[in-house]
Amino acid sequence: SVCSSPSELDYHDASSVNTRCQGICDQWDNLGTLTQKRRDSLERVEKLWETIDQLYLEFAKRAAPFNNWMDGAMEDLQDMFIVH
C-alpha cells in the first residue's frame, strides 16, 4: 500500500521516522488548540467592542441634553440683568 508505515516496509530507521511523525502530529494538534483559543479571544474582544459602542451611544444620548442645559446656564451667568 502507498500509506504503509515505515515498520511495515522494514525500514531500518522506522522508530525515528515514527517519532518524527508523532512530533508533527502533536504540533498540529497544538496548533489547532492555539487557533481555537485565538478565535475565542477574538470573539470576546468583538463582544467587548460592541459593549463599548453601546455605552458610547448611551453616553452621547445623555450628554446632549446636559450640554444644552450647560450652554443655557452659561448664557444666564453672562447675562448682567439675570446675575443682578
PDB file of N, CA and C in Angstrom:
ATOM      1  N   SER A   1       0.842  -1.190   0.000  1.00  0.00           N
ATOM      2  CA  SER A   1       0.000   0.000   0.000  1.00  0.00           C
ATOM      3  C   SER A   1       0.881   1.246   0.000  1.00  0.00           C
ATOM      4  N   VAL A   2       0.326   2.336  -0.538  1.00  0.00           N
ATOM      5  CA  VAL A   2       1.072   3.595  -0.617  1.00  0.00           C
ATOM      6  C   VAL A   2       1.284   4.189   0.771  1.00  0.00           C
ATOM      7  N   CYS A   3       0.331   3.976   1.680  1.00  0.00           N
ATOM      8  CA  CYS A   3       0.381   4.582   3.009  1.00  0.00           C
ATOM      9  C   CYS A   3       0.950   3.637   4.054  1.00  0.00           C
ATOM     10  N   SER A   4       1.758   2.713   3.666  1.00  0.00           N
ATOM     11  CA  SER A   4       2.346   1.777   4.618  1.00  0.00           C
ATOM     12  C   SER A   4       3.238   2.520   5.588  1.00  0.00           C
ATOM     13  N   SER A   5       3.258   2.036   6.844  1.00  0.00           N
ATOM     14  CA  SER A   5       4.136   2.654   7.826  1.00  0.00           C
ATOM     15  C   SER A   5       5.557   2.185   7.575  1.00  0.00           C
ATOM     16  N   PRO A   6       6.556   2.935   8.073  1.00  0.00           N
ATOM     17  CA  PRO A   6       7.954   2.559   7.857  1.00  0.00           C
ATOM     18  C   PRO A   6       8.263   1.163   8.384  1.00  0.00           C
ATOM     19  N   SER A   7       7.611   0.763   9.496  1.00  0.00           N
ATOM     20  CA  SER A   7       7.913  -0.554  10.048  1.00  0.00           C
ATOM     21  C   SER A   7       7.386  -1.651   9.139  1.00  0.00           C
ATOM     22  N   GLU A   8       6.256  -1.400   8.461  1.00  0.00           N
ATOM     23  CA  GLU A   8       5.719  -2.394   7.532  1.00  0.00           C
ATOM     24  C   GLU A   8       6.640  -2.578   6.335  1.00  0.00           C
ATOM     25  N   LEU A   9       7.369  -1.547   6.007  1.00  0.00           N
ATOM     26  CA  LEU A   9       8.293  -1.626   4.880  1.00  0.00           C
ATOM     27  C   LEU A   9       9.656  -2.154   5.311  1.00  0.00           C
ATOM     28  N   ASP A  10       9.781  -2.482   6.605  1.00  0.00           N
ATOM     29  CA  ASP A  10      11.034  -2.976   7.173  1.00  0.00           C
ATOM     30  C   ASP A  10      12.154  -1.953   6.989  1.00  0.00           C
ATOM     31  N   TYR A  11      11.820  -0.685   7.196  1.00  0.00           N
ATOM     32  CA  TYR A  11      12.798   0.404   7.073  1.00  0.00           C
ATOM     33  C   TYR A  11      13.714   0.368   8.292  1.00  0.00           C
ATOM     34  N   HIS A  12      15.002   0.541   8.086  1.00  0.00           N
ATOM     35  CA  HIS A  12      15.963   0.370   9.183  1.00  0.00           C
ATOM     36  C   HIS A  12      15.835   1.432  10.275  1.00  0.00           C
ATOM     37  N   ASP A  13      15.333   2.615   9.925  1.00  0.00           N
ATOM     38  CA  ASP A  13      15.237   3.702  10.918  1.00  0.00           C
ATOM     39  C   ASP A  13      13.769   4.029  11.192  1.00  0.00           C
ATOM     40  N   ALA A  14      12.914   3.016  11.213  1.00  0.00           N
ATOM     41  CA  ALA A  14      11.466   3.224  11.362  1.00  0.00           C
ATOM     42  C   ALA A  14      11.113   3.946  12.650  1.00  0.00           C
ATOM     43  N   SER A  15      11.816   3.666  13.743  1.00  0.00           N
ATOM     44  CA  SER A  15      11.456   4.287  15.024  1.00  0.00           C
ATOM     45  C   SER A  15      11.665   5.802  14.990  1.00  0.00           C
ATOM     46  N   SER A  16      12.737   6.279  14.368  1.00  0.00           N
ATOM     47  CA  SER A  16      12.958   7.734  14.308  1.00  0.00           C
ATOM     48  C   SER A  16      11.939   8.398  13.389  1.00  0.00           C
ATOM     49  N   VAL A  17      11.530   7.700  12.324  1.00  0.00           N
ATOM     50  CA  VAL A  17      10.509   8.240  11.436  1.00  0.00           C
ATOM     51  C   VAL A  17       9.173   8.321  12.177  1.00  0.00           C
ATOM     52  N   ASN A  18       8.855   7.265  12.917  1.00  0.00           N
ATOM     53  CA  ASN A  18       7.612   7.269  13.701  1.00  0.00           C
ATOM     54  C   ASN A  18       7.627   8.361  14.766  1.00  0.00           C
ATOM     55  N   THR A  19       8.777   8.545  15.406  1.00  0.00           N
ATOM     56  CA  THR A  19       8.909   9.598  16.419  1.00  0.00           C
ATOM     57  C   THR A  19       8.716  10.974  15.795  1.00  0.00           C
ATOM     58  N   ARG A  20       9.340  11.159  14.636  1.00  0.00           N
ATOM     59  CA  ARG A  20       9.200  12.448  13.925  1.00  0.00           C
ATOM     60  C   ARG A  20       7.747  12.676  13.516  1.00  0.00           C
ATOM     61  N   CYS A  21       7.112  11.636  13.023  1.00  0.00           N
ATOM     62  CA  CYS A  21       5.713  11.737  12.610  1.00  0.00           C
ATOM     63  C   CYS A  21       4.823  12.083  13.806  1.00  0.00           C
ATOM     64  N   GLN A  22       5.078  11.451  14.944  1.00  0.00           N
ATOM     65  CA  GLN A  22       4.299  11.744  16.143  1.00  0.00           C
ATOM     66  C   GLN A  22       4.506  13.190  16.583  1.00  0.00           C
ATOM     67  N   GLY A  23       5.744  13.665  16.453  1.00  0.00           N
ATOM     68  CA  GLY A  23       6.037  15.059  16.805  1.00  0.00           C
ATOM     69  C   GLY A  23       5.259  16.029  15.919  1.00  0.00           C
ATOM     70  N   ILE A  24       5.194  15.730  14.646  1.00  0.00           N
ATOM     71  CA  ILE A  24       4.447  16.577  13.712  1.00  0.00           C
ATOM     72  C   ILE A  24       2.961  16.563  14.067  1.00  0.00           C
ATOM     73  N   CYS A  25       2.436  15.387  14.379  1.00  0.00           N
ATOM     74  CA  CYS A  25       1.017  15.292  14.764  1.00  0.00           C
ATOM     75  C   CYS A  25       0.743  16.070  16.051  1.00  0.00           C
ATOM     76  N   ASP A  26       1.664  15.967  17.002  1.00  0.00           N
ATOM     77  CA  ASP A  26       1.491  16.711  18.261  1.00  0.00           C
ATOM     78  C   ASP A  26       1.506  18.216  18.016  1.00  0.00           C
ATOM     79  N   GLN A  27       2.420  18.666  17.150  1.00  0.00           N
ATOM     80  CA  GLN A  27       2.476  20.094  16.828  1.00  0.00           C
ATOM     81  C   GLN A  27       1.212  20.540  16.109  1.00  0.00           C
ATOM     82  N   TRP A  28       0.688  19.689  15.248  1.00  0.00           N
ATOM     83  CA  TRP A  28      -0.547  20.011  14.524  1.00  0.00           C
ATOM     84  C   TRP A  28      -1.711  20.151  15.505  1.00  0.00           C
ATOM     85  N   ASP A  29      -1.800  19.230  16.466  1.00  0.00           N
ATOM     86  CA  ASP A  29      -2.852  19.302  17.487  1.00  0.00           C
ATOM     87  C   ASP A  29      -2.705  20.573  18.318  1.00  0.00           C
ATOM     88  N   ASN A  30      -1.464  20.889  18.665  1.00  0.00           N
ATOM     89  CA  ASN A  30      -1.209  22.103  19.437  1.00  0.00           C
ATOM     90  C   ASN A  30      -1.610  23.342  18.650  1.00  0.00           C
ATOM     91  N   LEU A  31      -1.302  23.355  17.363  1.00  0.00           N
ATOM     92  CA  LEU A  31      -1.696  24.476  16.512  1.00  0.00           C
ATOM     93  C   LEU A  31      -3.218  24.619  16.476  1.00  0.00           C
ATOM     94  N   GLY A  32      -3.916  23.487  16.388  1.00  0.00           N
ATOM     95  CA  GLY A  32      -5.378  23.524  16.403  1.00  0.00           C
ATOM     96  C   GLY A  32      -5.912  24.102  17.708  1.00  0.00           C
ATOM     97  N   THR A  33      -5.308  23.714  18.830  1.00  0.00           N
ATOM     98  CA  THR A  33      -5.717  24.243  20.140  1.00  0.00           C
ATOM     99  C   THR A  33      -5.472  25.745  20.221  1.00  0.00           C
ATOM    100  N   LEU A  34      -4.289  26.179  19.783  1.00  0.00           N
ATOM    101  CA  LEU A  34      -3.964  27.611  19.804  1.00  0.00           C
ATOM    102  C   LEU A  34      -4.892  28.411  18.891  1.00  0.00           C
ATOM    103  N   THR A  35      -5.237  27.835  17.750  1.00  0.00           N
ATOM    104  CA  THR A  35      -6.147  28.505  16.819  1.00  0.00           C
ATOM    105  C   THR A  35      -7.517  28.704  17.453  1.00  0.00           C
ATOM    106  N   GLN A  36      -8.012  27.690  18.144  1.00  0.00           N
ATOM    107  CA  GLN A  36      -9.315  27.803  18.806  1.00  0.00           C
ATOM    108  C   GLN A  36      -9.274  28.839  19.922  1.00  0.00           C
ATOM    109  N   LYS A  37      -8.186  28.858  20.695  1.00  0.00           N
ATOM    110  CA  LYS A  37      -8.049  29.859  21.763  1.00  0.00           C
ATOM    111  C   LYS A  37      -8.031  31.261  21.173  1.00  0.00           C
ATOM    112  N   ARG A  38      -7.326  31.423  20.060  1.00  0.00           N
ATOM    113  CA  ARG A  38      -7.250  32.736  19.399  1.00  0.00           C
ATOM    114  C   ARG A  38      -8.627  33.157  18.905  1.00  0.00           C
ATOM    115  N   ARG A  39      -9.364  32.220  18.316  1.00  0.00           N
ATOM    116  CA  ARG A  39     -10.709  32.512  17.827  1.00  0.00           C
ATOM    117  C   ARG A  39     -11.617  32.939  18.993  1.00  0.00           C
ATOM    118  N   ASP A  40     -11.536  32.210  20.100  1.00  0.00           N
ATOM    119  CA  ASP A  40     -12.340  32.555  21.281  1.00  0.00           C
ATOM    120  C   ASP A  40     -11.984  33.946  21.802  1.00  0.00           C
ATOM    121  N   SER A  41     -10.681  34.241  21.815  1.00  0.00           N
ATOM    122  CA  SER A  41     -10.223  35.547  22.283  1.00  0.00           C
ATOM    123  C   SER A  41     -10.733  36.667  21.379  1.00  0.00           C
ATOM    124  N   LEU A  42     -10.672  36.460  20.078  1.00  0.00           N
ATOM    125  CA  LEU A  42     -11.164  37.470  19.136  1.00  0.00           C
ATOM    126  C   LEU A  42     -12.668  37.684  19.287  1.00  0.00           C
ATOM    127  N   GLU A  43     -13.412  36.615  19.553  1.00  0.00           N
ATOM    128  CA  GLU A  43     -14.856  36.752  19.755  1.00  0.00           C
ATOM    129  C   GLU A  43     -15.147  37.550  21.019  1.00  0.00           C
ATOM    130  N   ARG A  44     -14.357  37.317  22.077  1.00  0.00           N
ATOM    131  CA  ARG A  44     -14.545  38.091  23.319  1.00  0.00           C
ATOM    132  C   ARG A  44     -14.251  39.571  23.084  1.00  0.00           C
ATOM    133  N   VAL A  45     -13.180  39.857  22.335  1.00  0.00           N
ATOM    134  CA  VAL A  45     -12.825  41.255  22.042  1.00  0.00           C
ATOM    135  C   VAL A  45     -13.923  41.910  21.207  1.00  0.00           C
ATOM    136  N   GLU A  46     -14.465  41.169  20.254  1.00  0.00           N
ATOM    137  CA  GLU A  46     -15.541  41.717  19.419  1.00  0.00           C
ATOM    138  C   GLU A  46     -16.763  42.057  20.273  1.00  0.00           C
ATOM    139  N   LYS A  47     -17.125  41.190  21.195  1.00  0.00           N
ATOM    140  CA  LYS A  47     -18.257  41.463  22.090  1.00  0.00           C
ATOM    141  C   LYS A  47     -17.974  42.665  22.986  1.00  0.00           C
ATOM    142  N   LEU A  48     -16.724  42.777  23.439  1.00  0.00           N
ATOM    143  CA  LEU A  48     -16.342  43.919  24.270  1.00  0.00           C
ATOM    144  C   LEU A  48     -16.500  45.226  23.500  1.00  0.00           C
ATOM    145  N   TRP A  49     -16.059  45.244  22.224  1.00  0.00           N
ATOM    146  CA  TRP A  49     -16.196  46.458  21.410  1.00  0.00           C
ATOM    147  C   TRP A  49     -17.659  46.806  21.175  1.00  0.00           C
ATOM    148  N   GLU A  50     -18.504  45.775  21.002  1.00  0.00           N
ATOM    149  CA  GLU A  50     -19.934  46.032  20.843  1.00  0.00           C
ATOM    150  C   GLU A  50     -20.491  46.686  22.102  1.00  0.00           C
ATOM    151  N   THR A  51     -20.053  46.215  23.260  1.00  0.00           N
ATOM    152  CA  THR A  51     -20.490  46.799  24.528  1.00  0.00           C
ATOM    153  C   THR A  51     -20.012  48.236  24.653  1.00  0.00           C
ATOM    154  N   ILE A  52     -18.759  48.482  24.284  1.00  0.00           N
ATOM    155  CA  ILE A  52     -18.213  49.836  24.348  1.00  0.00           C
ATOM    156  C   ILE A  52     -18.990  50.774  23.418  1.00  0.00           C
ATOM    157  N   ASP A  53     -19.307  50.304  22.224  1.00  0.00           N
ATOM    158  CA  ASP A  53     -20.087  51.113  21.280  1.00  0.00           C
ATOM    159  C   ASP A  53     -21.457  51.461  21.864  1.00  0.00           C
ATOM    160  N   GLN A  54     -22.103  50.477  22.506  1.00  0.00           N
ATOM    161  CA  GLN A  54     -23.416  50.726  23.109  1.00  0.00           C
ATOM    162  C   GLN A  54     -23.313  51.746  24.239  1.00  0.00           C
ATOM    163  N   LEU A  55     -22.271  51.619  25.067  1.00  0.00           N
ATOM    164  CA  LEU A  55     -22.072  52.573  26.161  1.00  0.00           C
ATOM    165  C   LEU A  55     -21.806  53.975  25.621  1.00  0.00           C
ATOM    166  N   TYR A  56     -21.021  54.063  24.540  1.00  0.00           N
ATOM    167  CA  TYR A  56     -20.721  55.358  23.950  1.00  0.00           C
ATOM    168  C   TYR A  56     -22.000  56.015  23.426  1.00  0.00           C
ATOM    169  N   LEU A  57     -22.840  55.232  22.752  1.00  0.00           N
ATOM    170  CA  LEU A  57     -24.093  55.779  22.238  1.00  0.00           C
ATOM    171  C   LEU A  57     -24.999  56.231  23.381  1.00  0.00           C
ATOM    172  N   GLU A  58     -25.060  55.434  24.440  1.00  0.00           N
ATOM    173  CA  GLU A  58     -25.875  55.810  25.597  1.00  0.00           C
ATOM    174  C   GLU A  58     -25.350  57.104  26.220  1.00  0.00           C
ATOM    175  N   PHE A  59     -24.032  57.229  26.335  1.00  0.00           N
ATOM    176  CA  PHE A  59     -23.432  58.448  26.872  1.00  0.00           C
ATOM    177  C   PHE A  59     -23.779  59.649  25.996  1.00  0.00           C
ATOM    178  N   ALA A  60     -23.671  59.463  24.674  1.00  0.00           N
ATOM    179  CA  ALA A  60     -23.963  60.560  23.751  1.00  0.00           C
ATOM    180  C   ALA A  60     -25.420  61.014  23.888  1.00  0.00           C
ATOM    181  N   LYS A  61     -26.343  60.059  24.052  1.00  0.00           N
ATOM    182  CA  LYS A  61     -27.757  60.407  24.223  1.00  0.00           C
ATOM    183  C   LYS A  61     -27.978  61.216  25.494  1.00  0.00           C
ATOM    184  N   ARG A  62     -27.271  60.841  26.546  1.00  0.00           N
ATOM    185  CA  ARG A  62     -27.455  61.558  27.820  1.00  0.00           C
ATOM    186  C   ARG A  62     -26.677  62.869  27.863  1.00  0.00           C
ATOM    187  N   ALA A  63     -25.588  62.948  27.124  1.00  0.00           N
ATOM    188  CA  ALA A  63     -24.747  64.141  27.169  1.00  0.00           C
ATOM    189  C   ALA A  63     -25.378  65.309  26.423  1.00  0.00           C
ATOM    190  N   ALA A  64     -26.111  65.025  25.351  1.00  0.00           N
ATOM    191  CA  ALA A  64     -26.676  66.110  24.548  1.00  0.00           C
ATOM    192  C   ALA A  64     -27.591  67.015  25.364  1.00  0.00           C
ATOM    193  N   PRO A  65     -28.575  66.503  26.124  1.00  0.00           N
ATOM    194  CA  PRO A  65     -29.410  67.390  26.934  1.00  0.00           C
ATOM    195  C   PRO A  65     -28.613  68.143  27.992  1.00  0.00           C
ATOM    196  N   PHE A  66     -27.618  67.478  28.577  1.00  0.00           N
ATOM    197  CA  PHE A  66     -26.800  68.158  29.585  1.00  0.00           C
ATOM    198  C   PHE A  66     -26.027  69.310  28.958  1.00  0.00           C
ATOM    199  N   ASN A  67     -25.485  69.099  27.780  1.00  0.00           N
ATOM    200  CA  ASN A  67     -24.750  70.170  27.092  1.00  0.00           C
ATOM    201  C   ASN A  67     -25.665  71.355  26.790  1.00  0.00           C
ATOM    202  N   ASN A  68     -26.892  71.048  26.372  1.00  0.00           N
ATOM    203  CA  ASN A  68     -27.847  72.134  26.125  1.00  0.00           C
ATOM    204  C   ASN A  68     -28.126  72.919  27.409  1.00  0.00           C
ATOM    205  N   TRP A  69     -28.338  72.192  28.508  1.00  0.00           N
ATOM    206  CA  TRP A  69     -28.595  72.860  29.791  1.00  0.00           C
ATOM    207  C   TRP A  69     -27.389  73.706  30.198  1.00  0.00           C
ATOM    208  N   MET A  70     -26.171  73.136  30.019  1.00  0.00           N
ATOM    209  CA  MET A  70     -24.950  73.858  30.400  1.00  0.00           C
ATOM    210  C   MET A  70     -24.786  75.128  29.570  1.00  0.00           C
ATOM    211  N   ASP A  71     -25.082  75.051  28.276  1.00  0.00           N
ATOM    212  CA  ASP A  71     -24.994  76.248  27.429  1.00  0.00           C
ATOM    213  C   ASP A  71     -25.968  77.308  27.923  1.00  0.00           C
ATOM    214  N   GLY A  72     -27.186  76.895  28.276  1.00  0.00           N
ATOM    215  CA  GLY A  72     -28.173  77.856  28.790  1.00  0.00           C
ATOM    216  C   GLY A  72     -27.722  78.461  30.108  1.00  0.00           C
ATOM    217  N   ALA A  73     -27.148  77.645  30.985  1.00  0.00           N
ATOM    218  CA  ALA A  73     -26.668  78.147  32.276  1.00  0.00           C
ATOM    219  C   ALA A  73     -25.540  79.146  32.077  1.00  0.00           C
ATOM    220  N   MET A  74     -24.644  78.870  31.147  1.00  0.00           N
ATOM    221  CA  MET A  74     -23.537  79.794  30.889  1.00  0.00           C
ATOM    222  C   MET A  74     -24.063  81.131  30.354  1.00  0.00           C
ATOM    223  N   GLU A  75     -25.055  81.057  29.481  1.00  0.00           N
ATOM    224  CA  GLU A  75     -25.641  82.296  28.961  1.00  0.00           C
ATOM    225  C   GLU A  75     -26.304  83.089  30.083  1.00  0.00           C
ATOM    226  N   ASP A  76     -27.007  82.384  30.961  1.00  0.00           N
ATOM    227  CA  ASP A  76     -27.652  83.062  32.081  1.00  0.00           C
ATOM    228  C   ASP A  76     -26.641  83.725  32.996  1.00  0.00           C
ATOM    229  N   LEU A  77     -25.528  83.069  33.238  1.00  0.00           N
ATOM    230  CA  LEU A  77     -24.487  83.619  34.119  1.00  0.00           C
ATOM    231  C   LEU A  77     -23.785  84.824  33.492  1.00  0.00           C
ATOM    232  N   GLN A  78     -23.813  84.899  32.164  1.00  0.00           N
ATOM    233  CA  GLN A  78     -23.188  86.029  31.481  1.00  0.00           C
ATOM    234  C   GLN A  78     -24.149  87.182  31.261  1.00  0.00           C
ATOM    235  N   ASP A  79     -25.439  86.957  31.499  1.00  0.00           N
ATOM    236  CA  ASP A  79     -26.442  87.998  31.334  1.00  0.00           C
ATOM    237  C   ASP A  79     -26.448  88.867  32.579  1.00  0.00           C
ATOM    238  N   MET A  80     -26.016  90.106  32.446  1.00  0.00           N
ATOM    239  CA  MET A  80     -25.875  91.000  33.597  1.00  0.00           C
ATOM    240  C   MET A  80     -27.208  91.228  34.309  1.00  0.00           C
ATOM    241  N   PHE A  81     -28.296  91.293  33.560  1.00  0.00           N
ATOM    242  CA  PHE A  81     -29.613  91.528  34.182  1.00  0.00           C
ATOM    243  C   PHE A  81     -29.975  90.365  35.100  1.00  0.00           C
ATOM    244  N   ILE A  82     -29.763  89.113  34.627  1.00  0.00           N
ATOM    245  CA  ILE A  82     -30.116  87.939  35.428  1.00  0.00           C
ATOM    246  C   ILE A  82     -29.191  87.833  36.636  1.00  0.00           C
ATOM    247  N   VAL A  83     -27.911  88.119  36.454  1.00  0.00           N
ATOM    248  CA  VAL A  83     -26.939  87.990  37.539  1.00  0.00           C
ATOM    249  C   VAL A  83     -27.283  88.946  38.671  1.00  0.00           C
ATOM    250  N   HIS A  84     -27.695  90.186  38.324  1.00  0.00           N
ATOM    251  CA  HIS A  84     -28.051  91.151  39.370  1.00  0.00           C
ATOM    252  C   HIS A  84     -29.393  90.791  39.940  1.00  0.00           C
TER     253      HIS A  84
END
